[in-house]
Amino acid sequence: MPKIHPILKSICERLLVNVRRRLPDQAAATMTVPALVYRDAEQWQREIDSIFLRTPLLVALSCDVRQPGDYFALQIAGRPILIVRGDDGRVRVFLNVCRHRGARLTGKDCGNVRRFICPYHAWTYDRAGRLAGVSESESFGKQEIDGLIELPSEERAGMVFACLSADAELDLDAWLGDMLPSLEALELDRLYAYHPTTSLSSPNWKIAVDGYLDGYHIGFLHKDSIGRKAITNRNTYDLYGPHVRIGFANRRIEEIQSLPEENWVLADYMSLVHFVFPNISISGGQGDALMLSRLFPGPTVDQSTTVQHQYFREPVVGESVTMAEARRLNYEQVVRDEDYATTFGISESLPAMDLSPVLFGRNEPANQNLHRHIASMTGSNLY
């Protein structure tokens, strides 16, 4: 059995301590947030402008664009994005916009191409984003366009990050800080994508993120589903700037006291969530599969979309397709019928709470951390 990564071993041991003392890691104090921060349109616009359009976002995993010509397309905060691996092996991120009249180069989420051909007038771009051809150029006249609009990007530890504004600066070491070694321990570059995804309507993006950062609800809201194997409210929380790593204790965790380390099966004893600010939750990683959830702000303050992606350590072929699809459908059902059925209710209740704050306990340090960083980055006077 492969040697357990020291980071994962340490989290498992800390979780066992929390189980014994019957407490999770805790913040210094409780915290309140005005209910209005989830509903105010001006605050939401500040979040789009200051966070989603200016900070580095995790836009893809390396395995999403494994081979030259592989591409991955998505839209974040109104910006259509195209991630492509070039013939030189480098991943580049562009606006998915033809430089002629702004048409989308592709409407598909992923694929492999030799060239991108605009469906509107057949302008052609190569895998490096260079303009390779203008249809009937002799009739078009002079143009001085070299290629697609490229966004600042960097590939690291099996992840692709980009800033959605072409003039933004991307310093990935500064952005990830001490979160990077923990993400490296997940070995994301060894994953294989299962292409069917789940797309779910969700409320205000911060309400959705609050749920992904909350270890307190697992044994209550999910008592008959994914919470059956968990010991609720015994979490570890590691805060790395705006990013968070959360450890979850499973009911079998006390077995590690009587087993040599070489016999530990971490997936039996613990679960992990890595939250990469502002909108990515990576659930799992210590076993054979993980789920990456993308939380996209919608067109208005009260809307967002959550897209779930399943990844595995081996290619999903043959009989494993059935297992992968069952896993995808299970998480779709849990998040839709349990998490978002609850959080849509929260969204509908917030207008009645405008004079009362939302409360985060000492056992909810990840949620507290989220709102402190949003307040700081947006310069909000609502917090």
Protein backbone atom coordinates (compact mmCIF):
# COMPACT_ATOMS: atom_id res chain seq x y z
CA MET A 1 0.00 0.00 0.00
CA PRO A 2 1.42 3.47 -0.89
CA LYS A 3 2.84 5.51 1.98
CA ILE A 4 0.36 8.01 3.40
CA HIS A 5 1.18 11.63 2.64
CA PRO A 6 2.31 13.40 5.86
CA ILE A 7 -0.31 16.14 5.44
CA LEU A 8 -3.14 13.61 5.21
CA LYS A 9 -1.80 11.59 8.14
CA SER A 10 -1.65 14.74 10.29
CA ILE A 11 -5.25 15.68 9.50
CA CYS A 12 -6.43 12.16 10.37
CA GLU A 13 -4.64 12.29 13.71
CA ARG A 14 -6.05 15.74 14.49
CA LEU A 15 -9.56 14.53 13.68
CA LEU A 16 -9.13 11.66 16.14
CA VAL A 17 -8.16 14.18 18.83
CA ASN A 18 -11.30 16.23 18.07
CA VAL A 19 -13.47 13.11 18.26
CA ARG A 20 -12.01 12.25 21.67
CA ARG A 21 -12.53 15.75 23.06
CA ARG A 22 -15.95 16.07 21.38
CA LEU A 23 -15.16 19.44 19.80
CA PRO A 24 -14.13 20.71 16.35
CA ASP A 25 -11.41 23.26 15.71
CA GLN A 26 -12.89 26.57 16.82
CA ALA A 27 -12.74 30.27 16.06
CA ALA A 28 -11.94 32.69 18.86
CA ALA A 29 -15.53 33.98 19.03
CA THR A 30 -18.89 33.90 17.30
CA MET A 31 -19.50 36.29 14.39
CA THR A 32 -22.53 38.02 12.93
CA VAL A 33 -23.13 39.11 9.33
CA PRO A 34 -25.99 41.40 8.28
CA ALA A 35 -28.59 39.48 6.28
CA LEU A 36 -28.49 42.30 3.74
CA VAL A 37 -25.05 41.21 2.45
CA TYR A 38 -26.76 38.31 0.65
CA ARG A 39 -29.40 40.51 -0.98
CA ASP A 40 -27.85 43.88 -1.73
CA ALA A 41 -27.35 44.33 -5.50
CA GLU A 42 -24.55 46.89 -5.09
CA GLN A 43 -22.63 44.57 -2.77
CA TRP A 44 -23.06 41.74 -5.27
CA GLN A 45 -21.70 43.93 -8.06
CA ARG A 46 -18.67 44.79 -5.93
CA GLU A 47 -18.07 41.08 -5.48
CA ILE A 48 -18.20 40.51 -9.24
CA ASP A 49 -15.90 43.44 -10.00
CA SER A 50 -13.38 43.06 -7.16
CA ILE A 51 -13.29 39.30 -6.72
CA PHE A 52 -14.47 37.35 -9.77
CA LEU A 53 -13.00 39.68 -12.38
CA ARG A 54 -9.72 40.54 -10.61
CA THR A 55 -8.48 37.59 -8.53
CA PRO A 56 -7.00 34.29 -9.80
CA LEU A 57 -9.73 31.70 -10.36
CA LEU A 58 -9.30 27.95 -10.67
CA VAL A 59 -10.77 27.52 -14.16
CA ALA A 60 -9.82 23.91 -14.97
CA LEU A 61 -7.85 20.90 -13.86
CA SER A 62 -4.91 19.85 -16.00
CA CYS A 63 -6.65 16.59 -16.84
CA ASP A 64 -9.50 18.55 -18.44
CA VAL A 65 -7.04 19.55 -21.17
CA ARG A 66 -4.65 16.60 -21.09
CA GLN A 67 -3.57 16.48 -24.77
CA PRO A 68 -2.64 19.17 -27.32
CA GLY A 69 -5.84 20.51 -28.82
CA ASP A 70 -7.95 19.59 -25.79
CA TYR A 71 -10.13 22.50 -24.75
CA PHE A 72 -12.50 23.30 -21.89
CA ALA A 73 -15.04 26.12 -22.13
CA LEU A 74 -17.13 27.80 -19.46
CA GLN A 75 -18.63 31.13 -18.50
CA ILE A 76 -17.83 32.92 -15.25
CA ALA A 77 -19.40 36.21 -14.19
CA GLY A 78 -20.51 36.91 -17.75
CA ARG A 79 -17.08 36.19 -19.27
CA PRO A 80 -16.92 33.30 -21.79
CA ILE A 81 -13.64 31.46 -21.20
CA LEU A 82 -11.73 29.02 -23.42
CA ILE A 83 -8.89 26.92 -21.94
CA VAL A 84 -6.68 25.19 -24.53
CA ARG A 85 -3.54 23.08 -24.40
CA GLY A 86 -1.27 24.06 -27.28
CA ASP A 87 1.05 21.97 -29.41
CA ASP A 88 3.90 23.16 -27.18
CA GLY A 89 2.23 21.59 -24.15
CA ARG A 90 1.37 24.94 -22.58
CA VAL A 91 -2.13 25.71 -21.37
CA ARG A 92 -3.50 29.11 -22.39
CA VAL A 93 -6.73 30.82 -21.39
CA PHE A 94 -8.61 33.07 -23.81
CA LEU A 95 -11.90 34.84 -24.07
CA ASN A 96 -14.13 32.52 -26.08
CA VAL A 97 -14.82 35.37 -28.47
CA CYS A 98 -13.96 35.79 -32.15
CA ARG A 99 -12.04 39.03 -32.73
CA HIS A 100 -14.18 39.84 -35.78
CA ARG A 101 -17.67 40.36 -34.37
CA GLY A 102 -17.61 38.68 -30.97
CA ALA A 103 -19.25 35.34 -31.78
CA ARG A 104 -18.47 32.35 -29.55
CA LEU A 105 -15.86 30.12 -31.11
CA THR A 106 -17.38 27.03 -29.56
CA GLY A 107 -20.62 26.30 -27.78
CA LYS A 108 -19.42 22.91 -26.51
CA ASP A 109 -18.06 22.44 -23.00
CA CYS A 110 -15.04 20.39 -24.05
CA GLY A 111 -13.43 18.63 -26.97
CA ASN A 112 -10.29 18.41 -29.09
CA VAL A 113 -9.64 20.51 -32.19
CA ARG A 114 -6.88 21.28 -34.66
CA ARG A 115 -8.29 24.77 -35.26
CA PHE A 116 -11.07 26.90 -33.81
CA ILE A 117 -13.34 28.06 -36.61
CA CYS A 118 -15.83 30.79 -35.85
CA PRO A 119 -19.30 29.61 -36.90
CA TYR A 120 -20.34 33.10 -37.98
CA HIS A 121 -17.80 33.99 -40.71
CA ALA A 122 -15.25 31.14 -40.48
CA TRP A 123 -12.33 33.11 -39.09
CA THR A 124 -9.81 30.51 -37.92
CA TYR A 125 -7.50 30.38 -34.87
CA ASP A 126 -4.83 27.83 -34.01
CA ARG A 127 -4.27 26.03 -30.71
CA ALA A 128 -2.12 28.92 -29.45
CA GLY A 129 -4.90 31.43 -30.14
CA ARG A 130 -3.19 32.96 -33.18
CA LEU A 131 -5.34 34.12 -36.07
CA ALA A 132 -4.65 31.52 -38.76
CA GLY A 133 -7.06 32.60 -41.46
CA VAL A 134 -9.66 35.16 -42.53
CA SER A 135 -12.25 33.83 -44.93
CA GLU A 136 -12.21 35.67 -48.28
CA SER A 137 -9.64 38.06 -46.83
CA GLU A 138 -9.24 39.89 -50.14
CA SER A 139 -12.78 41.19 -49.81
CA PHE A 140 -12.54 42.03 -46.12
CA GLY A 141 -9.94 44.76 -46.20
CA LYS A 142 -7.10 45.58 -43.84
CA GLN A 143 -7.21 44.25 -40.28
CA GLU A 144 -4.50 44.24 -37.60
CA ILE A 145 -5.72 41.48 -35.29
CA ASP A 146 -3.11 38.88 -34.27
CA GLY A 147 -5.29 36.46 -32.35
CA LEU A 148 -7.64 35.85 -29.47
CA ILE A 149 -7.65 37.93 -26.30
CA GLU A 150 -5.45 36.02 -23.87
CA LEU A 151 -5.99 36.16 -20.12
CA PRO A 152 -3.27 35.89 -17.46
CA SER A 153 -2.99 32.21 -16.55
CA GLU A 154 -0.74 29.61 -14.98
CA GLU A 155 -0.81 25.84 -14.62
CA ARG A 156 0.32 24.45 -11.27
CA ALA A 157 -0.07 21.18 -9.35
CA GLY A 158 -2.66 19.82 -11.75
CA MET A 159 -4.70 23.05 -11.78
CA VAL A 160 -5.15 25.92 -14.23
CA PHE A 161 -5.69 29.39 -12.79
CA ALA A 162 -6.64 32.54 -14.70
CA CYS A 163 -7.67 36.12 -14.09
CA LEU A 164 -10.73 37.16 -16.08
CA SER A 165 -9.39 40.65 -16.79
CA ALA A 166 -6.58 40.84 -19.34
CA ASP A 167 -4.81 43.61 -17.41
CA ALA A 168 -4.90 41.83 -14.04
CA GLU A 169 -1.73 40.50 -12.39
CA LEU A 170 -1.50 36.82 -11.50
CA ASP A 171 0.92 35.89 -8.69
CA LEU A 172 -0.06 32.32 -7.93
CA ASP A 173 2.47 31.78 -5.15
CA ALA A 174 1.15 34.79 -3.28
CA TRP A 175 -2.48 33.87 -3.97
CA LEU A 176 -2.34 30.25 -2.82
CA GLY A 177 0.29 30.67 -0.12
CA ASP A 178 0.45 27.73 2.28
CA MET A 179 -2.61 26.14 0.67
CA LEU A 180 -0.46 24.96 -2.23
CA PRO A 181 1.27 22.00 -0.48
CA SER A 182 -2.12 20.64 0.57
CA LEU A 183 -3.43 20.90 -2.98
CA GLU A 184 -0.25 19.24 -4.28
CA ALA A 185 -0.92 16.32 -1.91
CA LEU A 186 -4.15 15.62 -3.80
CA GLU A 187 -2.14 14.73 -6.93
CA LEU A 188 -4.74 16.32 -9.17
CA ASP A 189 -2.56 15.76 -12.22
CA ARG A 190 -3.22 12.00 -11.87
CA LEU A 191 -6.97 12.34 -12.31
CA TYR A 192 -9.27 11.42 -15.18
CA ALA A 193 -12.48 13.35 -15.82
CA TYR A 194 -15.89 11.73 -16.08
CA HIS A 195 -17.49 14.01 -18.64
CA PRO A 196 -21.20 14.01 -17.72
CA THR A 197 -21.65 16.81 -15.21
CA THR A 198 -24.46 18.01 -12.97
CA SER A 199 -25.77 21.57 -13.19
CA LEU A 200 -27.96 22.82 -10.35
CA SER A 201 -29.75 26.10 -9.77
CA SER A 202 -28.62 27.66 -6.51
CA PRO A 203 -29.34 30.89 -4.60
CA ASN A 204 -26.96 33.81 -3.94
CA TRP A 205 -23.43 32.48 -4.45
CA LYS A 206 -22.40 33.25 -0.86
CA ILE A 207 -25.31 31.26 0.53
CA ALA A 208 -24.22 28.33 -1.63
CA VAL A 209 -20.57 28.68 -0.54
CA ASP A 210 -21.64 28.89 3.11
CA GLY A 211 -23.07 25.40 2.75
CA TYR A 212 -19.90 23.99 1.24
CA LEU A 213 -17.85 25.42 4.12
CA ASP A 214 -20.15 24.13 6.86
CA GLY A 215 -19.18 20.92 8.64
CA TYR A 216 -21.79 21.50 11.33
CA HIS A 217 -24.81 20.36 9.28
CA ILE A 218 -23.58 17.03 7.91
CA GLY A 219 -25.11 14.72 10.51
CA PHE A 220 -28.37 16.64 10.64
CA LEU A 221 -29.37 17.71 7.13
CA HIS A 222 -27.69 14.63 5.61
CA LYS A 223 -28.43 12.12 8.38
CA ASP A 224 -30.04 9.66 5.94
CA SER A 225 -27.56 10.14 3.08
CA ILE A 226 -23.90 11.18 3.04
CA GLY A 227 -23.95 11.99 6.77
CA ARG A 228 -24.48 8.39 7.83
CA LYS A 229 -20.75 7.63 7.93
CA ALA A 230 -19.69 10.93 9.53
CA ILE A 231 -19.11 12.06 13.09
CA THR A 232 -20.67 15.50 12.97
CA ASN A 233 -19.04 18.69 14.23
CA ARG A 234 -15.55 17.31 14.90
CA ASN A 235 -13.90 19.01 11.95
CA THR A 236 -10.42 20.33 11.45
CA TYR A 237 -10.19 23.77 9.81
CA ASP A 238 -7.02 25.14 8.26
CA LEU A 239 -7.28 28.71 6.97
CA TYR A 240 -4.84 29.82 4.28
CA GLY A 241 -5.73 33.41 3.51
CA PRO A 242 -9.16 33.19 1.85
CA HIS A 243 -8.75 29.46 1.17
CA VAL A 244 -9.76 26.68 3.57
CA ARG A 245 -9.06 22.99 4.08
CA ILE A 246 -11.71 21.13 6.10
CA GLY A 247 -11.30 17.65 7.55
CA PHE A 248 -14.31 15.44 8.34
CA ALA A 249 -14.14 12.50 10.75
CA ASN A 250 -15.78 9.22 9.76
CA ARG A 251 -17.23 6.80 12.27
CA ARG A 252 -14.43 4.27 11.77
CA ILE A 253 -11.66 6.74 12.58
CA GLU A 254 -10.85 5.20 15.97
CA GLU A 255 -9.62 2.09 14.15
CA ILE A 256 -6.34 3.87 13.49
CA GLN A 257 -5.43 3.45 17.17
CA SER A 258 -5.10 -0.32 16.73
CA LEU A 259 -3.75 -0.51 13.18
CA PRO A 260 -0.23 0.07 11.89
CA GLU A 261 -0.04 3.04 9.56
CA GLU A 262 0.64 0.84 6.54
CA ASN A 263 -2.84 -0.66 6.99
CA TRP A 264 -4.70 2.65 7.18
CA VAL A 265 -7.28 3.25 4.45
CA LEU A 266 -7.81 6.99 4.82
CA ALA A 267 -11.05 7.06 2.83
CA ASP A 268 -12.58 4.89 5.58
CA TYR A 269 -11.55 7.25 8.37
CA MET A 270 -11.80 10.78 7.02
CA SER A 271 -13.04 13.05 4.25
CA LEU A 272 -11.55 16.30 2.99
CA VAL A 273 -12.82 19.49 1.39
CA HIS A 274 -10.44 22.03 -0.10
CA PHE A 275 -12.16 25.34 -0.77
CA VAL A 276 -10.24 27.46 -3.28
CA PHE A 277 -11.59 30.99 -2.98
CA PRO A 278 -13.90 32.28 -4.23
CA ASN A 279 -15.92 29.47 -5.82
CA ILE A 280 -14.31 26.03 -5.97
CA SER A 281 -14.92 23.11 -3.61
CA ILE A 282 -12.79 19.98 -4.04
CA SER A 283 -14.35 17.17 -2.06
CA GLY A 284 -12.27 14.04 -1.47
CA GLY A 285 -8.84 13.22 -2.84
CA GLN A 286 -7.59 10.75 -0.24
CA GLY A 287 -9.32 7.88 -2.08
CA ASP A 288 -9.97 6.87 -5.67
CA ALA A 289 -12.41 9.66 -6.56
CA LEU A 290 -13.16 13.31 -5.90
CA MET A 291 -15.82 15.84 -6.82
CA LEU A 292 -15.07 19.38 -7.89
CA SER A 293 -17.95 21.82 -7.52
CA ARG A 294 -17.94 25.18 -9.29
CA LEU A 295 -20.20 27.86 -7.84
CA PHE A 296 -20.92 30.49 -10.48
CA PRO A 297 -22.63 33.78 -9.57
CA GLY A 298 -25.76 34.25 -11.65
CA PRO A 299 -26.98 37.31 -13.55
CA THR A 300 -28.61 38.76 -10.42
CA VAL A 301 -27.83 38.83 -6.72
CA ASP A 302 -30.27 36.04 -5.83
CA GLN A 303 -29.09 33.50 -8.42
CA SER A 304 -26.12 31.23 -8.95
CA THR A 305 -25.37 27.94 -10.68
CA THR A 306 -23.49 25.00 -9.21
CA VAL A 307 -21.77 22.58 -11.56
CA GLN A 308 -20.44 19.28 -10.17
CA HIS A 309 -17.58 17.43 -11.88
CA GLN A 310 -16.53 13.87 -10.99
CA TYR A 311 -12.89 12.74 -11.28
CA PHE A 312 -11.25 9.35 -10.78
CA ARG A 313 -7.75 7.90 -10.45
CA GLU A 314 -8.32 5.58 -13.40
CA PRO A 315 -9.95 6.26 -16.79
CA VAL A 316 -13.72 5.79 -16.64
CA VAL A 317 -14.37 3.02 -19.16
CA GLY A 318 -16.33 -0.20 -19.30
CA GLU A 319 -18.00 -1.27 -16.06
CA SER A 320 -16.61 1.73 -14.17
CA VAL A 321 -19.00 4.00 -16.12
CA THR A 322 -21.93 2.57 -14.16
CA MET A 323 -20.20 3.30 -10.87
CA ALA A 324 -19.24 6.82 -11.93
CA GLU A 325 -22.76 7.63 -13.07
CA ALA A 326 -24.25 6.31 -9.82
CA ARG A 327 -21.87 8.52 -7.86
CA ARG A 328 -22.77 11.56 -9.96
CA LEU A 329 -26.51 11.00 -9.54
CA ASN A 330 -26.17 10.42 -5.80
CA TYR A 331 -24.43 13.74 -5.21
CA GLU A 332 -26.85 15.50 -7.54
CA GLN A 333 -29.77 14.23 -5.47
CA VAL A 334 -28.20 15.09 -2.12
CA VAL A 335 -27.20 18.63 -3.04
CA ARG A 336 -30.44 19.41 -4.90
CA ASP A 337 -32.94 17.85 -2.49
CA GLU A 338 -31.17 18.47 0.80
CA ASP A 339 -28.65 21.34 0.55
CA TYR A 340 -30.35 23.57 -2.00
CA ALA A 341 -33.89 22.83 -0.89
CA THR A 342 -32.72 24.29 2.43
CA THR A 343 -30.67 27.19 1.11
CA PHE A 344 -33.38 28.36 -1.29
CA GLY A 345 -35.56 28.54 1.80
CA ILE A 346 -32.89 30.65 3.47
CA SER A 347 -32.85 32.96 0.47
CA GLU A 348 -36.61 33.40 0.65
CA SER A 349 -36.45 34.08 4.39
CA LEU A 350 -33.70 36.72 4.30
CA PRO A 351 -35.98 39.71 3.57
CA ALA A 352 -37.63 39.12 6.92
CA MET A 353 -34.22 39.15 8.63
CA ASP A 354 -32.92 42.50 7.41
CA LEU A 355 -32.97 43.85 10.95
CA SER A 356 -31.41 40.68 12.40
CA PRO A 357 -27.94 39.34 11.66
CA VAL A 358 -26.93 35.91 10.41
CA LEU A 359 -24.93 34.14 13.12
CA PHE A 360 -21.80 32.01 12.69
CA GLY A 361 -20.62 30.01 15.69
CA ARG A 362 -17.13 29.32 16.97
CA ASN A 363 -17.49 25.93 15.27
CA GLU A 364 -17.92 27.63 11.87
CA PRO A 365 -14.49 29.27 11.34
CA ALA A 366 -14.48 28.64 7.58
CA ASN A 367 -17.68 30.63 7.12
CA GLN A 368 -16.31 33.43 9.26
CA ASN A 369 -13.13 33.45 7.17
CA LEU A 370 -15.12 33.67 3.93
CA HIS A 371 -17.05 36.75 4.97
CA ARG A 372 -14.04 38.54 6.44
CA HIS A 373 -12.19 38.22 3.15
CA ILE A 374 -15.19 39.24 1.05
CA ALA A 375 -15.62 42.31 3.25
CA SER A 376 -11.93 43.19 2.92
CA MET A 377 -11.73 42.65 -0.85
CA THR A 378 -14.88 44.61 -1.64
CA GLY A 379 -14.34 47.42 0.87
CA SER A 380 -17.92 46.86 1.91
CA ASN A 381 -19.55 49.04 4.54
CA LEU A 382 -22.34 46.48 4.99
CA TYR A 383 -20.25 44.05 6.99
